[in-house]
Amino acid sequence: MANSFLWKQFFYPVSLSSSGRGFLLRATNPSCLPILVILALSVVVGLPGVHSLQARAHAQVGVAYRGLYWFQVGAMATSNYGYANHFGILVTGASVEIRVLSDQKLKYPDSDFAYWIGINLPNDAFIQVGYLVDRYDNQGQPTWFWEYFLPGTASEGNGVFLGKIGSVVGPNGTWVKFSLTSSGSKWSAYVNQQQVGSIDLGLSNSTVGPYASAEAAEVSETDNVLGPVEFRNLAYRDTDLTWHMAEAATALCCYSSGSDRLVGLTYPYGVAGIPGDNNHWLAGSKLPYAPEGQPLWPWYRVSVNSPYGNALGSGWHVFGDIVDPIATKDVSIAQTERYHLTGWNANGIPSDSTEFTVTENLTLTAIYTHQFLVTISSPFGKSTGSGWYDAGSPAAISVTTSASAPGLLGQLGVRTVFEHWSGDHSGSEARSTVFVDSPKSIDAVWSYDYGILFPLVVLISGGIVTALAITYRHRIELGVGRLQDGLDRRLGRKPRRTRRQRSRNRSTRARRNWASLA
């Protein structure tokens, strides 16, 4: 690719005075006398490659690279929807339409803007045609030009402007067609089908796709306002001399010389396709930055639909875009019934993906599944199976078979035991399957297992009753003895036992009774 179509000298070696049809070249720097001689010979004998010096008084002679910027942004035709150094098709011609933008403010005296189509040849030759805007030509009005670089010079530059600068290209807002074609190794440039120049470049075709670009050439500033200018209908011609519209293109970016000075700076220019309009784009200022190789077209229409509520994501998308469609996740019918988003139908093919790469027109329709809520309730243990299920699907439910009873009973060893299911499901198996054809509410029914607690309670209760009976008998015997003693005293008889003896006997009997219980 040529680094620029315009090349200013490091210092202007000549000045030019004109009077009528004549002109005078005068050396302004003695060291540039050889250049002046070359220019004079070119005028006298017509050396190839130096044209229209009167039209371009500041002849582009001198050092090409001065640490300045060449900003280039545009579109490169490609046959495989991606950046390709080899187009895959032998190109014998190229064309593009560029809209004339007359009202371009030249912020700085050295501003040179150009909008063109160009072709690189495998032998390092280059040719381009378009229009330029600068302070030297036609009072800054858009002016057509064509330029070329001879074989072996395009990548490095030769410091000499080779080509021609013409007249005002047309009124503001009009479309102008610029074309390049080869006949054998001879290449010709055209403006609106009118030939404006030709040159032998040694080869008849190129393997690299043609490209059309907006350019701020050899400027020392990064804030020039470049257009933006509108391009359309980029085309190429094959070896059968058949013309083809570029079905796909990628971004051309960004600059050649002086790139090391831009490290850390925001690139000031961009390129953007017109959504939905293939082969139609803008290039220049106030446009999004597009890295080299980013697809500009083809555009494809993406339609995102949902049978329930709104869906987002419809619109035009360029080849390779990633689309993330959005639709309502859950559509409630009742507290226990809903429609649930489970995927997308992409051009008739169901998919559970949430991202889609755009390679064609795409219709995405949200897929919803009818679902019911299954609720499992259990007062004890741990249950599983609650949740949303697709209508007609099986639901596996389960509950632990036993659990410690709550509170004091559990501390005493009492357990709860699962007995059966009730509600919208029956059965005594702790693990079961439910056919979900409607909302389900299922309860686990439990019972208590007292284990050894009941006989222990009975034993303890029996001991307590026996002890109470013995105590009661002791008290009766004590009362009877006292009555007998009283009766004996009244009758004057001697008591058979003293109170102390009776007490000792009662204590002994009581100890024996408790021992027998133990």
Protein backbone atom coordinates (compact mmCIF):
# COMPACT_ATOMS: atom_id res chain seq x y z
CA MET A 1 0.00 0.00 0.00
CA ALA A 2 1.32 3.45 -0.79
CA ASN A 3 2.00 5.47 2.31
CA SER A 4 0.36 8.58 0.94
CA PHE A 5 -0.85 10.13 -2.26
CA LEU A 6 0.70 13.54 -1.45
CA TRP A 7 4.26 14.13 -0.40
CA LYS A 8 5.57 17.48 0.77
CA GLN A 9 9.23 18.30 0.67
CA PHE A 10 11.23 18.73 3.82
CA PHE A 11 11.88 22.23 2.56
CA TYR A 12 10.45 23.66 -0.63
CA PRO A 13 13.39 23.66 -3.05
CA VAL A 14 11.72 25.84 -5.67
CA SER A 15 9.26 28.65 -6.04
CA LEU A 16 7.17 29.27 -9.09
CA SER A 17 6.03 32.47 -10.79
CA SER A 18 3.56 32.38 -13.62
CA SER A 19 2.36 34.79 -16.21
CA GLY A 20 -0.30 33.63 -18.61
CA ARG A 21 0.74 30.19 -19.84
CA GLY A 22 4.37 30.54 -18.85
CA PHE A 23 6.03 29.91 -15.51
CA LEU A 24 9.46 30.29 -13.92
CA LEU A 25 11.14 27.91 -11.50
CA ARG A 26 13.53 29.61 -9.12
CA ALA A 27 15.82 27.93 -6.61
CA THR A 28 15.16 29.04 -3.02
CA ASN A 29 17.93 26.84 -1.61
CA PRO A 30 21.23 26.34 -3.47
CA SER A 31 21.49 22.76 -2.26
CA CYS A 32 18.40 21.96 -4.27
CA LEU A 33 19.87 23.01 -7.61
CA PRO A 34 19.99 19.39 -8.91
CA ILE A 35 16.29 19.06 -8.23
CA LEU A 36 15.65 22.28 -10.12
CA VAL A 37 17.59 20.93 -13.10
CA ILE A 38 15.52 17.73 -13.09
CA LEU A 39 12.33 19.72 -13.01
CA ALA A 40 13.48 21.92 -15.88
CA LEU A 41 14.37 18.89 -17.98
CA SER A 42 11.01 17.35 -17.22
CA VAL A 43 9.28 20.39 -18.62
CA VAL A 44 11.49 20.62 -21.71
CA VAL A 45 11.71 16.98 -22.73
CA GLY A 46 8.61 15.69 -20.99
CA LEU A 47 10.15 13.19 -18.60
CA PRO A 48 7.47 10.71 -17.50
CA GLY A 49 6.06 11.00 -14.03
CA VAL A 50 6.04 14.78 -13.45
CA HIS A 51 2.77 16.36 -14.55
CA SER A 52 0.95 19.70 -14.33
CA LEU A 53 3.59 21.69 -12.48
CA GLN A 54 1.64 24.88 -13.16
CA ALA A 55 -1.44 23.35 -11.49
CA ARG A 56 0.67 22.25 -8.54
CA ALA A 57 3.14 25.01 -7.88
CA HIS A 58 4.46 23.34 -4.74
CA ALA A 59 5.70 20.32 -6.73
CA GLN A 60 5.94 17.31 -4.46
CA VAL A 61 9.70 16.93 -4.59
CA GLY A 62 11.89 16.35 -1.59
CA VAL A 63 12.12 14.09 1.43
CA ALA A 64 8.96 12.02 1.73
CA TYR A 65 9.17 11.12 5.41
CA ARG A 66 9.56 13.96 7.89
CA GLY A 67 8.16 12.28 10.98
CA LEU A 68 4.66 13.37 9.95
CA TYR A 69 1.39 11.45 9.93
CA TRP A 70 -0.40 9.66 7.11
CA PHE A 71 -3.86 8.81 8.39
CA GLN A 72 -5.85 6.42 6.19
CA VAL A 73 -9.26 4.92 6.93
CA GLY A 74 -11.59 3.16 4.51
CA ALA A 75 -12.77 -0.16 3.17
CA MET A 76 -10.95 -3.05 1.48
CA ALA A 77 -12.88 -5.45 -0.73
CA THR A 78 -12.57 -9.08 0.32
CA SER A 79 -13.96 -12.32 -0.98
CA ASN A 80 -13.95 -14.30 2.27
CA TYR A 81 -15.56 -11.95 4.81
CA GLY A 82 -12.29 -11.35 6.55
CA TYR A 83 -9.08 -9.41 6.01
CA ALA A 84 -7.08 -11.12 3.27
CA ASN A 85 -3.71 -10.11 1.87
CA HIS A 86 -4.58 -12.31 -1.06
CA PHE A 87 -7.96 -11.46 -2.53
CA GLY A 88 -8.27 -14.84 -4.21
CA ILE A 89 -9.36 -13.17 -7.45
CA LEU A 90 -7.08 -11.56 -10.01
CA VAL A 91 -8.10 -7.91 -10.16
CA THR A 92 -7.76 -5.95 -13.42
CA GLY A 93 -9.76 -2.93 -12.38
CA ALA A 94 -11.56 -1.19 -9.54
CA SER A 95 -14.08 1.59 -9.05
CA VAL A 96 -15.94 3.46 -6.33
CA GLU A 97 -18.35 6.36 -6.01
CA ILE A 98 -17.41 9.18 -3.63
CA ARG A 99 -19.70 12.03 -2.62
CA VAL A 100 -18.23 15.51 -3.04
CA LEU A 101 -17.86 17.41 0.24
CA SER A 102 -16.94 21.01 -0.53
CA ASP A 103 -17.26 22.52 2.94
CA GLN A 104 -14.11 21.11 4.49
CA LYS A 105 -12.34 23.38 6.92
CA LEU A 106 -8.58 23.32 6.55
CA LYS A 107 -7.62 23.91 10.14
CA TYR A 108 -3.89 24.07 9.47
CA PRO A 109 -1.93 25.41 6.47
CA ASP A 110 -0.31 22.05 5.81
CA SER A 111 -3.62 20.14 5.73
CA ASP A 112 -3.98 17.80 2.74
CA PHE A 113 -7.11 15.66 2.53
CA ALA A 114 -7.83 13.08 -0.14
CA TYR A 115 -10.53 10.51 -0.92
CA TRP A 116 -9.62 7.85 -3.44
CA ILE A 117 -9.58 4.26 -4.69
CA GLY A 118 -6.30 2.43 -5.15
CA ILE A 119 -4.75 -0.87 -6.23
CA ASN A 120 -1.46 -2.40 -5.10
CA LEU A 121 0.38 -4.63 -7.58
CA PRO A 122 2.60 -7.57 -6.62
CA ASN A 123 5.66 -5.80 -8.07
CA ASP A 124 5.34 -2.99 -5.49
CA ALA A 125 3.66 -0.62 -7.90
CA PHE A 126 0.60 1.40 -6.95
CA ILE A 127 -2.06 3.50 -8.68
CA GLN A 128 -4.93 5.59 -7.31
CA VAL A 129 -7.53 8.14 -8.39
CA GLY A 130 -9.89 10.39 -6.43
CA TYR A 131 -10.24 13.96 -5.26
CA LEU A 132 -8.20 16.10 -2.88
CA VAL A 133 -8.72 19.19 -0.77
CA ASP A 134 -5.81 21.48 0.07
CA ARG A 135 -4.98 25.18 0.10
CA TYR A 136 -2.99 25.09 -3.13
CA ASP A 137 -5.46 23.73 -5.67
CA ASN A 138 -8.62 25.52 -6.85
CA GLN A 139 -8.93 27.60 -3.66
CA GLY A 140 -9.46 24.54 -1.52
CA GLN A 141 -12.31 23.11 -3.61
CA PRO A 142 -12.44 19.33 -4.16
CA THR A 143 -10.13 18.65 -7.10
CA TRP A 144 -9.63 15.40 -8.95
CA PHE A 145 -6.20 13.77 -9.12
CA TRP A 146 -4.53 10.55 -10.08
CA GLU A 147 -1.19 9.26 -8.86
CA TYR A 148 1.04 6.24 -9.30
CA PHE A 149 4.19 4.67 -7.95
CA LEU A 150 6.43 2.76 -10.33
CA PRO A 151 7.38 -0.89 -9.65
CA GLY A 152 9.58 -1.28 -6.61
CA THR A 153 8.78 2.17 -5.17
CA ALA A 154 5.34 2.04 -3.56
CA SER A 155 6.43 0.69 -0.19
CA GLU A 156 9.25 3.15 0.25
CA GLY A 157 8.15 6.16 -1.82
CA ASN A 158 10.31 8.10 -4.26
CA GLY A 159 9.78 11.65 -3.08
CA VAL A 160 8.22 12.76 -6.38
CA PHE A 161 4.55 13.26 -7.13
CA LEU A 162 3.81 11.17 -10.21
CA GLY A 163 0.44 11.78 -11.77
CA LYS A 164 -1.79 14.78 -12.35
CA ILE A 165 -4.02 17.19 -10.48
CA GLY A 166 -7.00 18.47 -12.43
CA SER A 167 -10.03 20.69 -11.98
CA VAL A 168 -12.87 20.98 -9.48
CA VAL A 169 -14.50 17.58 -9.42
CA GLY A 170 -18.12 18.70 -9.07
CA PRO A 171 -20.73 20.50 -6.94
CA ASN A 172 -21.11 19.76 -3.26
CA GLY A 173 -23.16 16.62 -2.58
CA THR A 174 -22.82 15.05 -6.02
CA TRP A 175 -21.56 11.51 -6.52
CA VAL A 176 -18.42 11.07 -8.63
CA LYS A 177 -17.25 7.72 -9.95
CA PHE A 178 -13.51 7.03 -9.90
CA SER A 179 -12.14 4.01 -11.79
CA LEU A 180 -8.91 2.17 -12.55
CA THR A 181 -8.47 -0.42 -15.31
CA SER A 182 -5.62 -2.29 -16.95
CA SER A 183 -5.00 -3.16 -20.58
CA GLY A 184 -2.03 -5.45 -20.57
CA SER A 185 0.44 -3.79 -18.19
CA LYS A 186 -0.90 -0.32 -18.94
CA TRP A 187 -3.16 1.10 -16.24
CA SER A 188 -5.57 3.98 -16.75
CA ALA A 189 -7.41 6.31 -14.36
CA TYR A 190 -10.93 7.65 -14.96
CA VAL A 191 -13.16 10.33 -13.45
CA ASN A 192 -16.82 9.82 -14.36
CA GLN A 193 -15.82 7.50 -17.22
CA GLN A 194 -13.40 10.10 -18.62
CA GLN A 195 -9.78 8.99 -18.82
CA VAL A 196 -7.46 11.36 -16.98
CA GLY A 197 -4.16 9.46 -17.22
CA SER A 198 -2.35 6.18 -17.87
CA ILE A 199 0.98 4.52 -17.10
CA ASP A 200 2.73 1.18 -17.68
CA LEU A 201 3.20 -0.52 -14.30
CA GLY A 202 4.68 -3.80 -15.55
CA LEU A 203 1.79 -6.09 -14.48
CA SER A 204 -1.80 -6.45 -15.63
CA ASN A 205 -3.47 -7.60 -12.39
CA SER A 206 -3.34 -7.64 -8.62
CA THR A 207 -4.03 -10.40 -6.11
CA VAL A 208 -4.99 -7.89 -3.40
CA GLY A 209 -8.50 -6.53 -3.12
CA PRO A 210 -8.95 -2.87 -4.10
CA TYR A 211 -9.54 -0.36 -1.33
CA ALA A 212 -11.09 3.07 -1.03
CA SER A 213 -9.86 5.45 1.62
CA ALA A 214 -10.13 8.83 3.27
CA GLU A 215 -6.72 10.28 4.03
CA ALA A 216 -5.09 13.11 5.91
CA ALA A 217 -1.70 13.13 4.22
CA GLU A 218 1.61 14.17 5.74
CA VAL A 219 0.24 16.38 8.49
CA SER A 220 1.85 17.31 11.78
CA GLU A 221 -1.44 17.47 13.71
CA THR A 222 -3.84 14.81 14.96
CA ASP A 223 -6.98 16.95 15.18
CA ASN A 224 -7.66 17.81 11.54
CA VAL A 225 -11.34 17.46 10.70
CA LEU A 226 -11.39 14.87 7.93
CA GLY A 227 -14.80 14.81 6.27
CA PRO A 228 -16.44 12.51 7.03
CA VAL A 229 -17.04 11.62 3.38
CA GLU A 230 -19.49 9.10 1.99
CA PHE A 231 -18.47 6.16 -0.24
CA ARG A 232 -20.53 3.55 -2.07
CA ASN A 233 -20.46 0.82 -4.74
CA LEU A 234 -16.90 -0.43 -4.36
CA ALA A 235 -16.36 -2.80 -7.32
CA TYR A 236 -13.60 -4.80 -8.98
CA ARG A 237 -13.00 -6.25 -12.44
CA ASP A 238 -11.71 -9.79 -13.00
CA THR A 239 -9.52 -11.20 -15.78
CA ASP A 240 -12.61 -11.82 -17.93
CA LEU A 241 -13.20 -8.05 -17.75
CA THR A 242 -16.40 -8.65 -15.77
CA TRP A 243 -17.28 -6.18 -13.06
CA HIS A 244 -18.42 -7.35 -9.60
CA MET A 245 -19.73 -5.39 -6.65
CA ALA A 246 -17.71 -6.11 -3.53
CA GLU A 247 -19.94 -8.49 -1.60
CA ALA A 248 -17.88 -8.03 1.54
CA ALA A 249 -15.33 -5.58 2.90
CA THR A 250 -13.24 -5.00 5.98
CA ALA A 251 -11.90 -1.86 7.60
CA LEU A 252 -8.73 -0.31 6.24
CA CYS A 253 -6.75 1.38 8.97
CA CYS A 254 -4.75 3.30 10.10
CA TYR A 255 -1.52 5.06 9.08
CA SER A 256 1.98 4.37 7.92
CA SER A 257 4.63 6.96 8.73
CA GLY A 258 5.08 8.43 12.16
CA SER A 259 3.16 5.65 13.87
CA ASP A 260 5.66 5.51 16.71
CA ARG A 261 4.60 9.02 17.70
CA LEU A 262 1.00 7.91 18.24
CA VAL A 263 1.69 5.42 21.01
CA GLY A 264 -0.82 6.03 23.78
CA LEU A 265 -2.91 8.44 21.73
CA THR A 266 -6.45 7.85 20.57
CA TYR A 267 -6.66 7.32 16.82
CA PRO A 268 -8.56 10.37 15.52
CA TYR A 269 -10.46 8.87 12.57
CA GLY A 270 -12.86 6.03 11.92
CA VAL A 271 -14.99 4.20 9.39
CA ALA A 272 -18.58 2.97 9.67
CA GLY A 273 -20.95 1.14 7.36
CA ILE A 274 -24.50 2.33 6.78
CA PRO A 275 -26.66 -0.25 8.64
CA GLY A 276 -28.64 -2.40 6.24
CA ASP A 277 -27.03 -0.85 3.15
CA ASN A 278 -24.23 -3.05 1.82
CA ASN A 279 -21.30 -1.35 0.13
CA HIS A 280 -22.11 2.07 1.56
CA TRP A 281 -19.97 3.68 4.25
CA LEU A 282 -18.50 6.81 5.81
CA ALA A 283 -14.85 7.51 6.56
CA GLY A 284 -13.18 10.35 8.45
CA SER A 285 -13.72 12.29 11.67
CA LYS A 286 -16.34 11.71 14.39
CA LEU A 287 -16.74 8.04 13.51
CA PRO A 288 -16.05 4.95 15.62
CA TYR A 289 -12.57 3.51 15.45
CA ALA A 290 -12.47 0.32 13.40
CA PRO A 291 -9.35 -1.85 13.65
CA GLU A 292 -7.82 -3.31 10.52
CA GLY A 293 -9.85 -6.28 9.31
CA GLN A 294 -13.10 -5.50 11.13
CA PRO A 295 -16.02 -6.42 8.82
CA LEU A 296 -17.92 -3.46 7.36
CA TRP A 297 -20.42 -5.43 5.31
CA PRO A 298 -22.41 -7.54 4.41
CA TRP A 299 -25.25 -6.55 6.69
CA TYR A 300 -27.87 -9.03 7.85
CA ARG A 301 -31.25 -8.52 9.41
CA VAL A 302 -31.79 -10.10 12.82
CA SER A 303 -35.39 -10.40 14.05
CA VAL A 304 -35.97 -11.37 17.69
CA ASN A 305 -39.50 -12.50 18.62
CA SER A 306 -41.32 -13.88 21.64
CA PRO A 307 -44.82 -15.38 21.98
CA TYR A 308 -45.01 -13.80 25.45
CA GLY A 309 -44.11 -10.17 25.97
CA ASN A 310 -41.37 -8.10 24.39
CA ALA A 311 -38.04 -9.31 23.04
CA LEU A 312 -34.88 -7.29 22.43
CA GLY A 313 -32.07 -7.65 19.89
CA SER A 314 -33.72 -7.00 16.52
CA GLY A 315 -31.84 -4.86 14.04
CA TRP A 316 -29.13 -4.79 11.43
CA HIS A 317 -25.90 -6.57 12.23
CA VAL A 318 -22.73 -6.83 10.22
CA PHE A 319 -21.18 -10.20 9.39
CA GLY A 320 -19.53 -11.73 12.44
CA ASP A 321 -21.50 -9.78 15.05
CA ILE A 322 -22.49 -11.62 18.23
CA VAL A 323 -26.18 -11.26 19.08
CA ASP A 324 -27.50 -11.77 22.64
CA PRO A 325 -31.29 -11.90 22.32
CA ILE A 326 -33.33 -10.97 25.39
CA ALA A 327 -36.84 -12.10 26.34
CA THR A 328 -38.84 -12.44 29.56
CA LYS A 329 -37.44 -15.40 31.45
CA ASP A 330 -40.62 -16.50 33.24
CA VAL A 331 -44.23 -15.70 32.31
CA SER A 332 -46.54 -16.37 35.28
CA ILE A 333 -49.99 -17.90 34.72
CA ALA A 334 -50.67 -18.55 38.43
CA GLN A 335 -48.60 -18.98 41.57
CA THR A 336 -48.08 -22.63 40.69
CA GLU A 337 -48.04 -22.46 36.88
CA ARG A 338 -45.83 -20.61 34.39
CA TYR A 339 -44.09 -20.54 31.00
CA HIS A 340 -40.30 -20.73 31.28
CA LEU A 341 -37.76 -19.56 28.64
CA THR A 342 -35.63 -22.58 27.71
CA GLY A 343 -33.96 -21.59 24.43
CA TRP A 344 -34.26 -20.02 20.99
CA ASN A 345 -35.41 -21.19 17.62
CA ALA A 346 -32.76 -19.93 15.18
CA ASN A 347 -34.06 -20.03 11.61
CA GLY A 348 -36.13 -23.08 12.49
CA ILE A 349 -33.42 -24.89 14.46
CA PRO A 350 -33.95 -25.15 18.25
CA SER A 351 -30.95 -24.16 20.35
CA ASP A 352 -30.23 -23.70 24.05
CA SER A 353 -27.51 -21.14 23.28
CA THR A 354 -27.80 -17.53 24.45
CA GLU A 355 -25.39 -16.12 21.82
CA PHE A 356 -25.58 -16.30 18.05
CA THR A 357 -22.98 -15.34 15.44
CA VAL A 358 -24.46 -13.47 12.51
CA THR A 359 -23.56 -15.04 9.16
CA GLU A 360 -26.94 -14.67 7.43
CA ASN A 361 -30.37 -13.14 7.95
CA LEU A 362 -31.48 -14.54 11.28
CA THR A 363 -34.89 -15.01 12.90
CA LEU A 364 -34.76 -15.85 16.60
CA THR A 365 -37.95 -16.93 18.34
CA ALA A 366 -38.04 -17.53 22.08
CA ILE A 367 -38.91 -21.10 23.11
CA TYR A 368 -41.05 -21.45 26.24
CA THR A 369 -41.93 -24.60 28.22
CA HIS A 370 -45.16 -25.02 30.24
CA GLN A 371 -44.23 -25.79 33.85
CA PHE A 372 -45.99 -26.68 37.13
CA LEU A 373 -44.83 -26.23 40.72
CA VAL A 374 -44.40 -29.34 42.90
CA THR A 375 -44.39 -28.68 46.65
CA ILE A 376 -43.24 -31.35 49.15
CA SER A 377 -44.07 -30.72 52.83
CA SER A 378 -42.80 -32.74 55.77
CA PRO A 379 -42.93 -31.90 59.52
CA PHE A 380 -39.91 -34.10 60.22
CA GLY A 381 -36.75 -35.20 58.48
CA LYS A 382 -35.51 -33.89 55.10
CA SER A 383 -37.56 -33.98 51.91
CA THR A 384 -36.51 -33.47 48.28
CA GLY A 385 -38.36 -32.92 45.03
CA SER A 386 -39.90 -29.47 45.44
CA GLY A 387 -39.56 -27.21 42.41
CA TRP A 388 -40.74 -26.38 38.88
CA TYR A 389 -41.21 -29.22 36.39
CA ASP A 390 -42.08 -29.31 32.71
CA ALA A 391 -45.65 -30.35 32.11
CA GLY A 392 -45.79 -34.10 31.53
CA SER A 393 -42.42 -34.82 33.07
CA PRO A 394 -41.70 -37.08 36.09
CA ALA A 395 -40.69 -35.63 39.44
CA ALA A 396 -38.59 -37.72 41.82
CA ILE A 397 -39.58 -37.10 45.45
CA SER A 398 -38.14 -38.50 48.65
CA VAL A 399 -38.07 -38.11 52.43
CA THR A 400 -35.90 -39.55 55.18
CA THR A 401 -37.53 -42.64 56.74
CA SER A 402 -37.05 -41.71 60.43
CA ALA A 403 -35.89 -38.86 62.62
CA SER A 404 -35.44 -38.11 66.31
CA ALA A 405 -38.57 -36.75 67.98
CA PRO A 406 -38.38 -33.11 68.96
CA GLY A 407 -37.85 -31.93 72.56
CA LEU A 408 -37.76 -34.14 75.66
CA LEU A 409 -39.19 -37.13 73.85
CA GLY A 410 -36.24 -37.16 71.50
CA GLN A 411 -33.87 -37.00 74.46
CA LEU A 412 -35.66 -40.01 75.89
CA GLY A 413 -35.08 -41.95 72.66
CA VAL A 414 -38.42 -41.47 70.93
CA ARG A 415 -38.25 -41.30 67.09
CA THR A 416 -40.60 -40.25 64.29
CA VAL A 417 -41.16 -42.67 61.42
CA PHE A 418 -42.41 -41.91 57.86
CA GLU A 419 -45.63 -43.81 57.14
CA HIS A 420 -47.07 -42.63 53.80
CA TRP A 421 -47.73 -39.74 51.39
CA SER A 422 -50.92 -37.73 51.28
CA GLY A 423 -52.33 -34.87 49.23
CA ASP A 424 -51.69 -35.07 45.45
CA HIS A 425 -49.77 -38.34 45.80
CA SER A 426 -50.26 -41.59 47.73
CA GLY A 427 -47.99 -44.48 48.66
CA SER A 428 -45.79 -45.62 51.51
CA GLU A 429 -42.41 -45.63 49.73
CA ALA A 430 -40.09 -42.90 50.97
CA ARG A 431 -38.70 -42.56 47.44
CA SER A 432 -41.31 -42.17 44.74
CA THR A 433 -42.01 -40.67 41.31
CA VAL A 434 -44.83 -38.26 40.51
CA PHE A 435 -46.19 -37.58 37.01
CA VAL A 436 -46.47 -33.79 36.78
CA ASP A 437 -49.58 -32.98 34.78
CA SER A 438 -50.77 -30.22 37.12
CA PRO A 439 -49.52 -28.36 40.22
CA LYS A 440 -48.79 -30.85 43.02
CA SER A 441 -48.94 -30.37 46.80
CA ILE A 442 -47.73 -33.49 48.64
CA ASP A 443 -47.45 -34.10 52.41
CA ALA A 444 -45.39 -36.68 54.28
CA VAL A 445 -47.33 -38.38 57.14
CA TRP A 446 -45.35 -39.57 60.21
CA SER A 447 -45.90 -41.60 63.42
CA TYR A 448 -44.02 -41.91 66.75
CA ASP A 449 -41.86 -44.90 67.69
CA TYR A 450 -41.49 -44.98 71.49
CA GLY A 451 -39.13 -47.96 71.51
CA ILE A 452 -38.13 -49.02 75.15
CA LEU A 453 -39.67 -45.94 76.67
CA PHE A 454 -43.14 -47.58 77.22
CA PRO A 455 -41.99 -50.68 79.22
CA LEU A 456 -39.66 -48.49 81.22
CA VAL A 457 -42.53 -46.21 82.10
CA VAL A 458 -44.66 -49.23 83.09
CA LEU A 459 -41.90 -50.64 85.33
CA ILE A 460 -41.31 -47.37 87.04
CA SER A 461 -45.02 -46.84 87.51
CA GLY A 462 -45.39 -50.37 89.07
CA GLY A 463 -42.60 -49.70 91.55
CA ILE A 464 -44.15 -46.46 92.60
CA VAL A 465 -47.55 -48.13 93.15
CA THR A 466 -45.96 -50.93 95.23
CA ALA A 467 -44.07 -48.47 97.37
CA LEU A 468 -47.23 -46.49 97.99
CA ALA A 469 -49.11 -49.70 98.92
CA ILE A 470 -46.41 -50.72 101.42
CA THR A 471 -46.40 -47.28 102.97
CA TYR A 472 -50.17 -47.32 103.22
CA ARG A 473 -50.12 -50.80 104.86
CA HIS A 474 -47.48 -49.65 107.32
CA ARG A 475 -49.63 -46.76 108.36
CA ILE A 476 -52.67 -49.02 108.82
CA GLU A 477 -50.66 -51.47 110.92
CA LEU A 478 -49.34 -48.62 113.01
CA GLY A 479 -52.84 -47.38 113.67
CA VAL A 480 -54.14 -50.82 114.58
CA GLY A 481 -51.26 -51.35 117.01
CA ARG A 482 -51.98 -48.09 118.73
CA LEU A 483 -55.64 -49.06 119.15
CA GLN A 484 -54.65 -52.43 120.59
CA ASP A 485 -52.25 -50.84 123.06
CA GLY A 486 -54.93 -48.46 124.23
CA LEU A 487 -57.44 -51.25 124.70
CA ASP A 488 -54.93 -53.34 126.70
CA ARG A 489 -54.25 -50.41 129.04
CA ARG A 490 -57.92 -49.90 129.69
CA LEU A 491 -58.42 -53.60 130.44
CA GLY A 492 -55.31 -53.60 132.67
CA ARG A 493 -53.38 -55.95 130.41
CA LYS A 494 -49.68 -55.63 129.65
CA PRO A 495 -48.91 -54.56 126.04
CA ARG A 496 -47.24 -57.29 124.05
CA ARG A 497 -44.65 -54.96 122.49
CA THR A 498 -43.41 -51.60 123.34
CA ARG A 499 -43.74 -48.79 120.80
CA ARG A 500 -39.99 -48.84 120.24
CA GLN A 501 -40.05 -52.52 119.38
CA ARG A 502 -42.94 -52.05 116.96
CA SER A 503 -41.13 -49.23 115.25
CA ARG A 504 -37.99 -51.32 114.80
CA ASN A 505 -40.05 -54.15 113.37
CA ARG A 506 -41.79 -51.83 110.90
CA SER A 507 -38.46 -50.44 109.70
CA THR A 508 -37.06 -53.88 109.14
CA ARG A 509 -40.11 -54.96 107.13
CA ALA A 510 -39.95 -51.83 105.03
CA ARG A 511 -36.28 -52.44 104.18
CA ARG A 512 -37.06 -55.99 103.18
CA ASN A 513 -39.92 -54.88 100.94
CA TRP A 514 -37.74 -52.31 99.10
CA ALA A 515 -35.00 -54.88 98.72
CA SER A 516 -37.41 -57.28 97.10
CA LEU A 517 -38.50 -54.59 94.65
CA ALA A 518 -34.93 -53.82 93.68
